[in-house]
Full PDB file with SEQRES, HELIX, SHEET, SSBOND, CRYST1, ORIGX, SCALE, CONECT and MASTER records, all heavy atoms in Angstrom:
SEQRES   1 A   40  VAL GLN GLY ARG PHE THR ILE ALA ARG ASP ASN ALA HIS          
SEQRES   2 A   40  ASN THR VAL TYR LEU GLN MET ASP SER LEU LYS PRO GLU          
SEQRES   3 A   40  ASP THR ALA ILE TYR TYR CYS ALA ALA LYS ARG GLY GLY          
SEQRES   4 A   40  ARG                                                          
HELIX    1 AA1 ASN A   11  HIS A   13  5                                   3    
HELIX    2 AA2 PRO A   25  ASP A   27  5                                   3    
SHEET    1 AA1 2 PHE A   5  ASP A  10  0                                        
SHEET    2 AA1 2 THR A  15  MET A  20 -1                                        
CRYST1    1.000    1.000    1.000  90.00  90.00  90.00 P 1           1          
ORIGX1      1.000000  0.000000  0.000000        0.00000                         
ORIGX2      0.000000  1.000000  0.000000        0.00000                         
ORIGX3      0.000000  0.000000  1.000000        0.00000                         
SCALE1      1.000000  0.000000  0.000000        0.00000                         
SCALE2      0.000000  1.000000  0.000000        0.00000                         
SCALE3      0.000000  0.000000  1.000000        0.00000                         
ATOM      1  N   VAL A   1     -10.019 -60.780 -24.141  1.00  0.00           N  
ATOM      2  CA  VAL A   1      -9.389 -59.589 -23.603  1.00  0.00           C  
ATOM      3  C   VAL A   1      -8.453 -58.952 -24.606  1.00  0.00           C  
ATOM      4  O   VAL A   1      -7.913 -57.873 -24.343  1.00  0.00           O  
ATOM      5  CB  VAL A   1      -8.651 -59.869 -22.287  1.00  0.00           C  
ATOM      6  CG1 VAL A   1      -9.570 -60.527 -21.277  1.00  0.00           C  
ATOM      7  CG2 VAL A   1      -7.411 -60.719 -22.531  1.00  0.00           C  
ATOM      8  N   GLN A   2      -8.219 -59.606 -25.728  1.00  0.00           N  
ATOM      9  CA  GLN A   2      -7.301 -59.095 -26.728  1.00  0.00           C  
ATOM     10  C   GLN A   2      -7.673 -57.673 -27.100  1.00  0.00           C  
ATOM     11  O   GLN A   2      -8.852 -57.416 -27.434  1.00  0.00           O  
ATOM     12  CB  GLN A   2      -7.316 -60.002 -27.959  1.00  0.00           C  
ATOM     13  CG  GLN A   2      -6.416 -59.575 -29.100  1.00  0.00           C  
ATOM     14  CD  GLN A   2      -4.980 -59.905 -28.788  1.00  0.00           C  
ATOM     15  OE1 GLN A   2      -4.641 -61.022 -28.374  1.00  0.00           O  
ATOM     16  NE2 GLN A   2      -4.067 -58.993 -29.051  1.00  0.00           N  
ATOM     17  N   GLY A   3      -6.719 -56.752 -27.105  1.00  0.00           N  
ATOM     18  CA  GLY A   3      -6.948 -55.378 -27.480  1.00  0.00           C  
ATOM     19  C   GLY A   3      -7.423 -54.508 -26.333  1.00  0.00           C  
ATOM     20  O   GLY A   3      -7.474 -53.270 -26.519  1.00  0.00           O  
ATOM     21  N   ARG A   4      -7.753 -55.076 -25.212  1.00  0.00           N  
ATOM     22  CA  ARG A   4      -8.241 -54.274 -24.066  1.00  0.00           C  
ATOM     23  C   ARG A   4      -7.296 -54.391 -22.865  1.00  0.00           C  
ATOM     24  O   ARG A   4      -7.182 -53.463 -22.095  1.00  0.00           O  
ATOM     25  CB  ARG A   4      -9.633 -54.766 -23.631  1.00  0.00           C  
ATOM     26  CG  ARG A   4     -10.689 -54.603 -24.702  1.00  0.00           C  
ATOM     27  CD  ARG A   4     -12.097 -54.900 -24.150  1.00  0.00           C  
ATOM     28  NE  ARG A   4     -12.200 -56.282 -23.677  1.00  0.00           N  
ATOM     29  CZ  ARG A   4     -12.522 -56.649 -22.434  1.00  0.00           C  
ATOM     30  NH1 ARG A   4     -12.782 -55.698 -21.516  1.00  0.00           N  
ATOM     31  NH2 ARG A   4     -12.645 -57.923 -22.097  1.00  0.00           N  
ATOM     32  N   PHE A   5      -6.640 -55.510 -22.699  1.00  0.00           N  
ATOM     33  CA  PHE A   5      -5.748 -55.741 -21.577  1.00  0.00           C  
ATOM     34  C   PHE A   5      -4.311 -55.774 -22.090  1.00  0.00           C  
ATOM     35  O   PHE A   5      -4.012 -56.174 -23.222  1.00  0.00           O  
ATOM     36  CB  PHE A   5      -6.068 -57.102 -20.911  1.00  0.00           C  
ATOM     37  CG  PHE A   5      -7.360 -57.154 -20.169  1.00  0.00           C  
ATOM     38  CD1 PHE A   5      -8.295 -56.184 -20.288  1.00  0.00           C  
ATOM     39  CD2 PHE A   5      -7.591 -58.225 -19.332  1.00  0.00           C  
ATOM     40  CE1 PHE A   5      -9.506 -56.227 -19.588  1.00  0.00           C  
ATOM     41  CE2 PHE A   5      -8.791 -58.329 -18.616  1.00  0.00           C  
ATOM     42  CZ  PHE A   5      -9.733 -57.305 -18.763  1.00  0.00           C  
ATOM     43  N   THR A   6      -3.379 -55.358 -21.182  1.00  0.00           N  
ATOM     44  CA  THR A   6      -1.957 -55.364 -21.484  1.00  0.00           C  
ATOM     45  C   THR A   6      -1.173 -55.918 -20.320  1.00  0.00           C  
ATOM     46  O   THR A   6      -1.340 -55.404 -19.204  1.00  0.00           O  
ATOM     47  CB  THR A   6      -1.468 -53.961 -21.799  1.00  0.00           C  
ATOM     48  OG1 THR A   6      -2.209 -53.373 -22.902  1.00  0.00           O  
ATOM     49  CG2 THR A   6       0.019 -53.996 -22.242  1.00  0.00           C  
ATOM     50  N   ILE A   7      -0.356 -56.902 -20.578  1.00  0.00           N  
ATOM     51  CA  ILE A   7       0.499 -57.480 -19.559  1.00  0.00           C  
ATOM     52  C   ILE A   7       1.910 -56.924 -19.703  1.00  0.00           C  
ATOM     53  O   ILE A   7       2.385 -56.695 -20.833  1.00  0.00           O  
ATOM     54  CB  ILE A   7       0.525 -59.030 -19.618  1.00  0.00           C  
ATOM     55  CG1 ILE A   7       1.272 -59.610 -18.429  1.00  0.00           C  
ATOM     56  CG2 ILE A   7       1.070 -59.536 -20.921  1.00  0.00           C  
ATOM     57  CD1 ILE A   7       1.133 -61.133 -18.294  1.00  0.00           C  
ATOM     58  N   ALA A   8       2.558 -56.663 -18.596  1.00  0.00           N  
ATOM     59  CA  ALA A   8       3.921 -56.154 -18.601  1.00  0.00           C  
ATOM     60  C   ALA A   8       4.624 -56.654 -17.338  1.00  0.00           C  
ATOM     61  O   ALA A   8       3.986 -57.082 -16.381  1.00  0.00           O  
ATOM     62  CB  ALA A   8       3.951 -54.633 -18.653  1.00  0.00           C  
ATOM     63  N   ARG A   9       5.951 -56.660 -17.378  1.00  0.00           N  
ATOM     64  CA  ARG A   9       6.692 -57.105 -16.199  1.00  0.00           C  
ATOM     65  C   ARG A   9       7.891 -56.213 -15.944  1.00  0.00           C  
ATOM     66  O   ARG A   9       8.469 -55.612 -16.859  1.00  0.00           O  
ATOM     67  CB  ARG A   9       7.124 -58.570 -16.408  1.00  0.00           C  
ATOM     68  CG  ARG A   9       8.120 -58.822 -17.524  1.00  0.00           C  
ATOM     69  CD  ARG A   9       8.331 -60.315 -17.768  1.00  0.00           C  
ATOM     70  NE  ARG A   9       8.961 -60.971 -16.601  1.00  0.00           N  
ATOM     71  CZ  ARG A   9       8.892 -62.269 -16.396  1.00  0.00           C  
ATOM     72  NH1 ARG A   9       8.255 -63.069 -17.239  1.00  0.00           N  
ATOM     73  NH2 ARG A   9       9.500 -62.799 -15.352  1.00  0.00           N  
ATOM     74  N   ASP A  10       8.286 -56.166 -14.700  1.00  0.00           N  
ATOM     75  CA  ASP A  10       9.463 -55.443 -14.253  1.00  0.00           C  
ATOM     76  C   ASP A  10      10.275 -56.405 -13.419  1.00  0.00           C  
ATOM     77  O   ASP A  10      10.056 -56.551 -12.221  1.00  0.00           O  
ATOM     78  CB  ASP A  10       9.024 -54.212 -13.435  1.00  0.00           C  
ATOM     79  CG  ASP A  10      10.215 -53.380 -12.940  1.00  0.00           C  
ATOM     80  OD1 ASP A  10      11.361 -53.837 -13.068  1.00  0.00           O  
ATOM     81  OD2 ASP A  10       9.973 -52.275 -12.443  1.00  0.00           O  
ATOM     82  N   ASN A  11      11.231 -57.069 -14.063  1.00  0.00           N  
ATOM     83  CA  ASN A  11      12.003 -58.079 -13.365  1.00  0.00           C  
ATOM     84  C   ASN A  11      12.845 -57.485 -12.208  1.00  0.00           C  
ATOM     85  O   ASN A  11      13.078 -58.158 -11.204  1.00  0.00           O  
ATOM     86  CB  ASN A  11      12.910 -58.849 -14.328  1.00  0.00           C  
ATOM     87  CG  ASN A  11      12.119 -59.764 -15.256  1.00  0.00           C  
ATOM     88  OD1 ASN A  11      10.961 -60.140 -14.991  1.00  0.00           O  
ATOM     89  ND2 ASN A  11      12.700 -60.113 -16.396  1.00  0.00           N  
ATOM     90  N   ALA A  12      13.279 -56.268 -12.403  1.00  0.00           N  
ATOM     91  CA  ALA A  12      14.098 -55.627 -11.367  1.00  0.00           C  
ATOM     92  C   ALA A  12      13.350 -55.492 -10.063  1.00  0.00           C  
ATOM     93  O   ALA A  12      13.949 -55.493  -8.977  1.00  0.00           O  
ATOM     94  CB  ALA A  12      14.607 -54.307 -11.839  1.00  0.00           C  
ATOM     95  N   HIS A  13      12.024 -55.342 -10.172  1.00  0.00           N  
ATOM     96  CA  HIS A  13      11.190 -55.184  -8.998  1.00  0.00           C  
ATOM     97  C   HIS A  13      10.265 -56.409  -8.722  1.00  0.00           C  
ATOM     98  O   HIS A  13       9.359 -56.336  -7.924  1.00  0.00           O  
ATOM     99  CB  HIS A  13      10.315 -53.910  -9.111  1.00  0.00           C  
ATOM    100  CG  HIS A  13      11.122 -52.648  -9.116  1.00  0.00           C  
ATOM    101  ND1 HIS A  13      11.609 -52.059 -10.213  1.00  0.00           N  
ATOM    102  CD2 HIS A  13      11.562 -51.867  -8.042  1.00  0.00           C  
ATOM    103  CE1 HIS A  13      12.304 -50.976  -9.907  1.00  0.00           C  
ATOM    104  NE2 HIS A  13      12.293 -50.852  -8.587  1.00  0.00           N  
ATOM    105  N   ASN A  14      10.568 -57.492  -9.449  1.00  0.00           N  
ATOM    106  CA  ASN A  14       9.831 -58.749  -9.210  1.00  0.00           C  
ATOM    107  C   ASN A  14       8.318 -58.524  -9.274  1.00  0.00           C  
ATOM    108  O   ASN A  14       7.561 -59.052  -8.436  1.00  0.00           O  
ATOM    109  CB  ASN A  14      10.208 -59.349  -7.880  1.00  0.00           C  
ATOM    110  CG  ASN A  14      11.527 -60.098  -7.940  1.00  0.00           C  
ATOM    111  OD1 ASN A  14      11.884 -60.662  -8.974  1.00  0.00           O  
ATOM    112  ND2 ASN A  14      12.287 -60.030  -6.848  1.00  0.00           N  
ATOM    113  N   THR A  15       7.868 -57.779 -10.245  1.00  0.00           N  
ATOM    114  CA  THR A  15       6.466 -57.440 -10.346  1.00  0.00           C  
ATOM    115  C   THR A  15       5.956 -57.637 -11.776  1.00  0.00           C  
ATOM    116  O   THR A  15       6.648 -57.331 -12.738  1.00  0.00           O  
ATOM    117  CB  THR A  15       6.232 -55.996  -9.889  1.00  0.00           C  
ATOM    118  OG1 THR A  15       6.764 -55.851  -8.557  1.00  0.00           O  
ATOM    119  CG2 THR A  15       4.743 -55.659  -9.876  1.00  0.00           C  
ATOM    120  N   VAL A  16       4.715 -58.095 -11.875  1.00  0.00           N  
ATOM    121  CA  VAL A  16       4.026 -58.227 -13.122  1.00  0.00           C  
ATOM    122  C   VAL A  16       2.742 -57.400 -13.018  1.00  0.00           C  
ATOM    123  O   VAL A  16       2.125 -57.354 -11.975  1.00  0.00           O  
ATOM    124  CB  VAL A  16       3.674 -59.712 -13.431  1.00  0.00           C  
ATOM    125  CG1 VAL A  16       2.935 -59.836 -14.746  1.00  0.00           C  
ATOM    126  CG2 VAL A  16       4.944 -60.524 -13.423  1.00  0.00           C  
ATOM    127  N   TYR A  17       2.371 -56.796 -14.139  1.00  0.00           N  
ATOM    128  CA  TYR A  17       1.194 -55.933 -14.167  1.00  0.00           C  
ATOM    129  C   TYR A  17       0.187 -56.422 -15.198  1.00  0.00           C  
ATOM    130  O   TYR A  17       0.550 -57.037 -16.211  1.00  0.00           O  
ATOM    131  CB  TYR A  17       1.603 -54.514 -14.499  1.00  0.00           C  
ATOM    132  CG  TYR A  17       2.620 -53.938 -13.575  1.00  0.00           C  
ATOM    133  CD1 TYR A  17       3.971 -53.936 -13.938  1.00  0.00           C  
ATOM    134  CD2 TYR A  17       2.238 -53.396 -12.355  1.00  0.00           C  
ATOM    135  CE1 TYR A  17       4.935 -53.402 -13.081  1.00  0.00           C  
ATOM    136  CE2 TYR A  17       3.205 -52.854 -11.492  1.00  0.00           C  
ATOM    137  CZ  TYR A  17       4.525 -52.872 -11.847  1.00  0.00           C  
ATOM    138  OH  TYR A  17       5.465 -52.346 -11.022  1.00  0.00           O  
ATOM    139  N   LEU A  18      -1.053 -56.122 -14.959  1.00  0.00           N  
ATOM    140  CA  LEU A  18      -2.100 -56.320 -15.935  1.00  0.00           C  
ATOM    141  C   LEU A  18      -2.935 -55.034 -16.000  1.00  0.00           C  
ATOM    142  O   LEU A  18      -3.673 -54.752 -15.069  1.00  0.00           O  
ATOM    143  CB  LEU A  18      -2.983 -57.531 -15.565  1.00  0.00           C  
ATOM    144  CG  LEU A  18      -4.052 -57.864 -16.633  1.00  0.00           C  
ATOM    145  CD1 LEU A  18      -3.398 -58.396 -17.897  1.00  0.00           C  
ATOM    146  CD2 LEU A  18      -5.061 -58.847 -16.095  1.00  0.00           C  
ATOM    147  N   GLN A  19      -2.748 -54.290 -17.067  1.00  0.00           N  
ATOM    148  CA  GLN A  19      -3.547 -53.075 -17.330  1.00  0.00           C  
ATOM    149  C   GLN A  19      -4.840 -53.503 -18.012  1.00  0.00           C  
ATOM    150  O   GLN A  19      -4.764 -54.108 -19.085  1.00  0.00           O  
ATOM    151  CB  GLN A  19      -2.770 -52.116 -18.157  1.00  0.00           C  
ATOM    152  CG  GLN A  19      -3.523 -50.841 -18.490  1.00  0.00           C  
ATOM    153  CD  GLN A  19      -3.843 -49.994 -17.317  1.00  0.00           C  
ATOM    154  OE1 GLN A  19      -2.970 -49.817 -16.439  1.00  0.00           O  
ATOM    155  NE2 GLN A  19      -5.025 -49.436 -17.254  1.00  0.00           N  
ATOM    156  N   MET A  20      -5.952 -53.182 -17.410  1.00  0.00           N  
ATOM    157  CA  MET A  20      -7.234 -53.583 -17.954  1.00  0.00           C  
ATOM    158  C   MET A  20      -8.033 -52.318 -18.312  1.00  0.00           C  
ATOM    159  O   MET A  20      -8.376 -51.520 -17.423  1.00  0.00           O  
ATOM    160  CB  MET A  20      -8.018 -54.421 -16.937  1.00  0.00           C  
ATOM    161  CG  MET A  20      -7.224 -55.615 -16.452  1.00  0.00           C  
ATOM    162  SD  MET A  20      -8.197 -56.708 -15.344  1.00  0.00           S  
ATOM    163  CE  MET A  20      -8.497 -55.612 -13.982  1.00  0.00           C  
ATOM    164  N   ASP A  21      -8.278 -52.137 -19.571  1.00  0.00           N  
ATOM    165  CA  ASP A  21      -9.044 -50.992 -20.064  1.00  0.00           C  
ATOM    166  C   ASP A  21     -10.368 -51.448 -20.693  1.00  0.00           C  
ATOM    167  O   ASP A  21     -10.532 -52.624 -21.036  1.00  0.00           O  
ATOM    168  CB  ASP A  21      -8.209 -50.239 -21.113  1.00  0.00           C  
ATOM    169  CG  ASP A  21      -6.917 -49.683 -20.527  1.00  0.00           C  
ATOM    170  OD1 ASP A  21      -6.961 -49.146 -19.404  1.00  0.00           O  
ATOM    171  OD2 ASP A  21      -5.857 -49.758 -21.215  1.00  0.00           O  
ATOM    172  N   SER A  22     -11.236 -50.518 -20.892  1.00  0.00           N  
ATOM    173  CA  SER A  22     -12.574 -50.801 -21.507  1.00  0.00           C  
ATOM    174  C   SER A  22     -13.189 -51.987 -20.843  1.00  0.00           C  
ATOM    175  O   SER A  22     -13.692 -52.930 -21.519  1.00  0.00           O  
ATOM    176  CB  SER A  22     -12.389 -51.033 -22.998  1.00  0.00           C  
ATOM    177  OG  SER A  22     -11.791 -49.951 -23.644  1.00  0.00           O  
ATOM    178  N   LEU A  23     -13.254 -51.982 -19.541  1.00  0.00           N  
ATOM    179  CA  LEU A  23     -13.778 -53.112 -18.801  1.00  0.00           C  
ATOM    180  C   LEU A  23     -15.252 -53.322 -19.046  1.00  0.00           C  
ATOM    181  O   LEU A  23     -16.001 -52.355 -19.219  1.00  0.00           O  
ATOM    182  CB  LEU A  23     -13.478 -52.936 -17.313  1.00  0.00           C  
ATOM    183  CG  LEU A  23     -12.034 -53.251 -16.906  1.00  0.00           C  
ATOM    184  CD1 LEU A  23     -11.708 -52.638 -15.568  1.00  0.00           C  
ATOM    185  CD2 LEU A  23     -11.813 -54.757 -16.888  1.00  0.00           C  
ATOM    186  N   LYS A  24     -15.652 -54.581 -19.019  1.00  0.00           N  
ATOM    187  CA  LYS A  24     -17.039 -55.001 -19.254  1.00  0.00           C  
ATOM    188  C   LYS A  24     -17.536 -55.768 -18.051  1.00  0.00           C  
ATOM    189  O   LYS A  24     -16.717 -56.394 -17.314  1.00  0.00           O  
ATOM    190  CB  LYS A  24     -17.117 -55.888 -20.490  1.00  0.00           C  
ATOM    191  CG  LYS A  24     -16.543 -55.272 -21.752  1.00  0.00           C  
ATOM    192  CD  LYS A  24     -16.570 -56.286 -22.894  1.00  0.00           C  
ATOM    193  CE  LYS A  24     -15.941 -55.719 -24.136  1.00  0.00           C  
ATOM    194  NZ  LYS A  24     -15.938 -56.724 -25.259  1.00  0.00           N  
ATOM    195  N   PRO A  25     -18.823 -55.829 -17.819  1.00  0.00           N  
ATOM    196  CA  PRO A  25     -19.347 -56.622 -16.701  1.00  0.00           C  
ATOM    197  C   PRO A  25     -18.887 -58.082 -16.764  1.00  0.00           C  
ATOM    198  O   PRO A  25     -18.656 -58.696 -15.711  1.00  0.00           O  
ATOM    199  CB  PRO A  25     -20.844 -56.503 -16.850  1.00  0.00           C  
ATOM    200  CG  PRO A  25     -21.040 -55.152 -17.498  1.00  0.00           C  
ATOM    201  CD  PRO A  25     -19.879 -55.026 -18.463  1.00  0.00           C  
ATOM    202  N   GLU A  26     -18.707 -58.636 -17.947  1.00  0.00           N  
ATOM    203  CA  GLU A  26     -18.276 -60.038 -18.073  1.00  0.00           C  
ATOM    204  C   GLU A  26     -16.818 -60.209 -17.689  1.00  0.00           C  
ATOM    205  O   GLU A  26     -16.339 -61.365 -17.634  1.00  0.00           O  
ATOM    206  CB  GLU A  26     -18.512 -60.551 -19.497  1.00  0.00           C  
ATOM    207  CG  GLU A  26     -18.025 -59.681 -20.586  1.00  0.00           C  
ATOM    208  CD  GLU A  26     -19.087 -58.754 -21.154  1.00  0.00           C  
ATOM    209  OE1 GLU A  26     -19.874 -58.140 -20.363  1.00  0.00           O  
ATOM    210  OE2 GLU A  26     -19.139 -58.609 -22.412  1.00  0.00           O  
ATOM    211  N   ASP A  27     -16.092 -59.147 -17.406  1.00  0.00           N  
ATOM    212  CA  ASP A  27     -14.725 -59.257 -16.888  1.00  0.00           C  
ATOM    213  C   ASP A  27     -14.709 -59.513 -15.401  1.00  0.00           C  
ATOM    214  O   ASP A  27     -13.648 -59.750 -14.814  1.00  0.00           O  
ATOM    215  CB  ASP A  27     -13.910 -57.999 -17.203  1.00  0.00           C  
ATOM    216  CG  ASP A  27     -13.689 -57.785 -18.706  1.00  0.00           C  
ATOM    217  OD1 ASP A  27     -13.412 -58.783 -19.387  1.00  0.00           O  
ATOM    218  OD2 ASP A  27     -13.796 -56.628 -19.149  1.00  0.00           O  
ATOM    219  N   THR A  28     -15.861 -59.432 -14.757  1.00  0.00           N  
ATOM    220  CA  THR A  28     -15.967 -59.683 -13.312  1.00  0.00           C  
ATOM    221  C   THR A  28     -15.492 -61.080 -12.990  1.00  0.00           C  
ATOM    222  O   THR A  28     -15.982 -62.082 -13.536  1.00  0.00           O  
ATOM    223  CB  THR A  28     -17.406 -59.471 -12.847  1.00  0.00           C  
ATOM    224  OG1 THR A  28     -17.766 -58.091 -13.024  1.00  0.00           O  
ATOM    225  CG2 THR A  28     -17.566 -59.837 -11.391  1.00  0.00           C  
ATOM    226  N   ALA A  29     -14.517 -61.185 -12.090  1.00  0.00           N  
ATOM    227  CA  ALA A  29     -13.938 -62.490 -11.725  1.00  0.00           C  
ATOM    228  C   ALA A  29     -12.908 -62.251 -10.662  1.00  0.00           C  
ATOM    229  O   ALA A  29     -12.497 -61.113 -10.354  1.00  0.00           O  
ATOM    230  CB  ALA A  29     -13.301 -63.163 -12.926  1.00  0.00           C  
ATOM    231  N   ILE A  30     -12.395 -63.356 -10.126  1.00  0.00           N  
ATOM    232  CA  ILE A  30     -11.170 -63.324  -9.316  1.00  0.00           C  
ATOM    233  C   ILE A  30     -10.002 -63.500 -10.273  1.00  0.00           C  
ATOM    234  O   ILE A  30     -10.019 -64.434 -11.079  1.00  0.00           O  
ATOM    235  CB  ILE A  30     -11.151 -64.423  -8.227  1.00  0.00           C  
ATOM    236  CG1 ILE A  30     -12.327 -64.231  -7.274  1.00  0.00           C  
ATOM    237  CG2 ILE A  30      -9.845 -64.395  -7.466  1.00  0.00           C  
ATOM    238  CD1 ILE A  30     -12.489 -65.332  -6.248  1.00  0.00           C  
ATOM    239  N   TYR A  31      -9.044 -62.621 -10.194  1.00  0.00           N  
ATOM    240  CA  TYR A  31      -7.908 -62.646 -11.077  1.00  0.00           C  
ATOM    241  C   TYR A  31      -6.687 -63.192 -10.296  1.00  0.00           C  
ATOM    242  O   TYR A  31      -6.372 -62.741  -9.206  1.00  0.00           O  
ATOM    243  CB  TYR A  31      -7.597 -61.224 -11.607  1.00  0.00           C  
ATOM    244  CG  TYR A  31      -8.542 -60.825 -12.693  1.00  0.00           C  
ATOM    245  CD1 TYR A  31      -9.883 -60.537 -12.411  1.00  0.00           C  
ATOM    246  CD2 TYR A  31      -8.113 -60.770 -14.026  1.00  0.00           C  
ATOM    247  CE1 TYR A  31     -10.771 -60.207 -13.417  1.00  0.00           C  
ATOM    248  CE2 TYR A  31      -8.981 -60.421 -15.029  1.00  0.00           C  
ATOM    249  CZ  TYR A  31     -10.315 -60.134 -14.738  1.00  0.00           C  
ATOM    250  OH  TYR A  31     -11.178 -59.810 -15.750  1.00  0.00           O  
ATOM    251  N   TYR A  32      -6.039 -64.168 -10.935  1.00  0.00           N  
ATOM    252  CA  TYR A  32      -4.913 -64.864 -10.370  1.00  0.00           C  
ATOM    253  C   TYR A  32      -3.640 -64.646 -11.148  1.00  0.00           C  
ATOM    254  O   TYR A  32      -3.649 -64.676 -12.399  1.00  0.00           O  
ATOM    255  CB  TYR A  32      -5.165 -66.365 -10.282  1.00  0.00           C  
ATOM    256  CG  TYR A  32      -6.322 -66.773  -9.434  1.00  0.00           C  
ATOM    257  CD1 TYR A  32      -7.614 -66.896  -9.972  1.00  0.00           C  
ATOM    258  CD2 TYR A  32      -6.150 -67.033  -8.090  1.00  0.00           C  
ATOM    259  CE1 TYR A  32      -8.687 -67.291  -9.181  1.00  0.00           C  
ATOM    260  CE2 TYR A  32      -7.204 -67.419  -7.284  1.00  0.00           C  
ATOM    261  CZ  TYR A  32      -8.473 -67.562  -7.835  1.00  0.00           C  
ATOM    262  OH  TYR A  32      -9.532 -67.940  -7.057  1.00  0.00           O  
ATOM    263  N   CYS A  33      -2.590 -64.418 -10.435  1.00  0.00           N  
ATOM    264  CA  CYS A  33      -1.264 -64.335 -11.040  1.00  0.00           C  
ATOM    265  C   CYS A  33      -0.617 -65.747 -10.963  1.00  0.00           C  
ATOM    266  O   CYS A  33      -0.834 -66.474  -9.979  1.00  0.00           O  
ATOM    267  CB  CYS A  33      -0.418 -63.314 -10.288  1.00  0.00           C  
ATOM    268  SG  CYS A  33       1.300 -63.151 -10.793  1.00  0.00           S  
ATOM    269  N   ALA A  34       0.189 -66.083 -11.963  1.00  0.00           N  
ATOM    270  CA  ALA A  34       0.810 -67.393 -11.964  1.00  0.00           C  
ATOM    271  C   ALA A  34       2.192 -67.335 -12.590  1.00  0.00           C  
ATOM    272  O   ALA A  34       2.472 -66.493 -13.438  1.00  0.00           O  
ATOM    273  CB  ALA A  34      -0.060 -68.390 -12.749  1.00  0.00           C  
ATOM    274  N   ALA A  35       3.064 -68.277 -12.160  1.00  0.00           N  
ATOM    275  CA  ALA A  35       4.422 -68.342 -12.662  1.00  0.00           C  
ATOM    276  C   ALA A  35       4.692 -69.712 -13.282  1.00  0.00           C  
ATOM    277  O   ALA A  35       4.275 -70.744 -12.777  1.00  0.00           O  
ATOM    278  CB  ALA A  35       5.402 -68.097 -11.508  1.00  0.00           C  
ATOM    279  N   LYS A  36       5.404 -69.694 -14.374  1.00  0.00           N  
ATOM    280  CA  LYS A  36       5.729 -70.917 -15.146  1.00  0.00           C  
ATOM    281  C   LYS A  36       7.238 -71.087 -15.187  1.00  0.00           C  
ATOM    282  O   LYS A  36       7.936 -70.216 -15.720  1.00  0.00           O  
ATOM    283  CB  LYS A  36       5.193 -70.781 -16.557  1.00  0.00           C  
ATOM    284  CG  LYS A  36       5.496 -71.970 -17.483  1.00  0.00           C  
ATOM    285  CD  LYS A  36       4.948 -71.694 -18.866  1.00  0.00           C  
ATOM    286  CE  LYS A  36       5.235 -72.818 -19.843  1.00  0.00           C  
ATOM    287  NZ  LYS A  36       6.657 -73.115 -19.994  1.00  0.00           N  
ATOM    288  N   ARG A  37       7.726 -72.203 -14.633  1.00  0.00           N  
ATOM    289  CA  ARG A  37       9.146 -72.486 -14.698  1.00  0.00           C  
ATOM    290  C   ARG A  37       9.591 -72.629 -16.144  1.00  0.00           C  
ATOM    291  O   ARG A  37       8.842 -73.016 -17.032  1.00  0.00           O  
ATOM    292  CB  ARG A  37       9.456 -73.763 -13.940  1.00  0.00           C  
ATOM    293  CG  ARG A  37       9.419 -73.650 -12.435  1.00  0.00           C  
ATOM    294  CD  ARG A  37      10.063 -74.830 -11.760  1.00  0.00           C  
ATOM    295  NE  ARG A  37       9.390 -76.060 -12.124  1.00  0.00           N  
ATOM    296  CZ  ARG A  37       8.438 -76.646 -11.354  1.00  0.00           C  
ATOM    297  NH1 ARG A  37       8.118 -76.095 -10.235  1.00  0.00           N  
ATOM    298  NH2 ARG A  37       7.873 -77.764 -11.741  1.00  0.00           N  
ATOM    299  N   GLY A  38      10.874 -72.272 -16.342  1.00  0.00           N  
ATOM    300  CA  GLY A  38      11.430 -72.343 -17.691  1.00  0.00           C  
ATOM    301  C   GLY A  38      11.459 -71.024 -18.398  1.00  0.00           C  
ATOM    302  O   GLY A  38      12.351 -70.781 -19.211  1.00  0.00           O  
ATOM    303  N   GLY A  39      10.478 -70.181 -18.068  1.00  0.00           N  
ATOM    304  CA  GLY A  39      10.560 -68.785 -18.529  1.00  0.00           C  
ATOM    305  C   GLY A  39      10.065 -68.541 -19.956  1.00  0.00           C  
ATOM    306  O   GLY A  39       9.884 -67.383 -20.304  1.00  0.00           O  
ATOM    307  N   ARG A  40       9.871 -69.598 -20.713  1.00  0.00           N  
ATOM    308  CA  ARG A  40       9.539 -69.377 -22.128  1.00  0.00           C  
ATOM    309  C   ARG A  40       8.265 -70.044 -22.536  1.00  0.00           C  
ATOM    310  O   ARG A  40       7.851 -71.024 -21.950  1.00  0.00           O  
ATOM    311  CB  ARG A  40      10.671 -69.895 -23.006  1.00  0.00           C  
ATOM    312  CG  ARG A  40      12.005 -69.229 -22.856  1.00  0.00           C  
ATOM    313  CD  ARG A  40      13.048 -69.822 -23.775  1.00  0.00           C  
ATOM    314  NE  ARG A  40      14.304 -69.088 -23.750  1.00  0.00           N  
ATOM    315  CZ  ARG A  40      15.300 -69.327 -22.911  1.00  0.00           C  
ATOM    316  NH1 ARG A  40      15.145 -70.242 -21.988  1.00  0.00           N  
ATOM    317  NH2 ARG A  40      16.425 -68.633 -22.963  1.00  0.00           N  
TER     318      ARG A  40                                                      
MASTER        0    0    0    2    2    0    0    6  317    1    0    4          
END                                                                             
């Protein structure tokens, strides 16, 4: 997905985004959001 997708976050609104451009049929899937303790 490098070069086609962009991840961003808005901590003030507790939201994370995934902008997906130039989508391909092989991108078809269930997409899951996940959180990692520690933050880094």
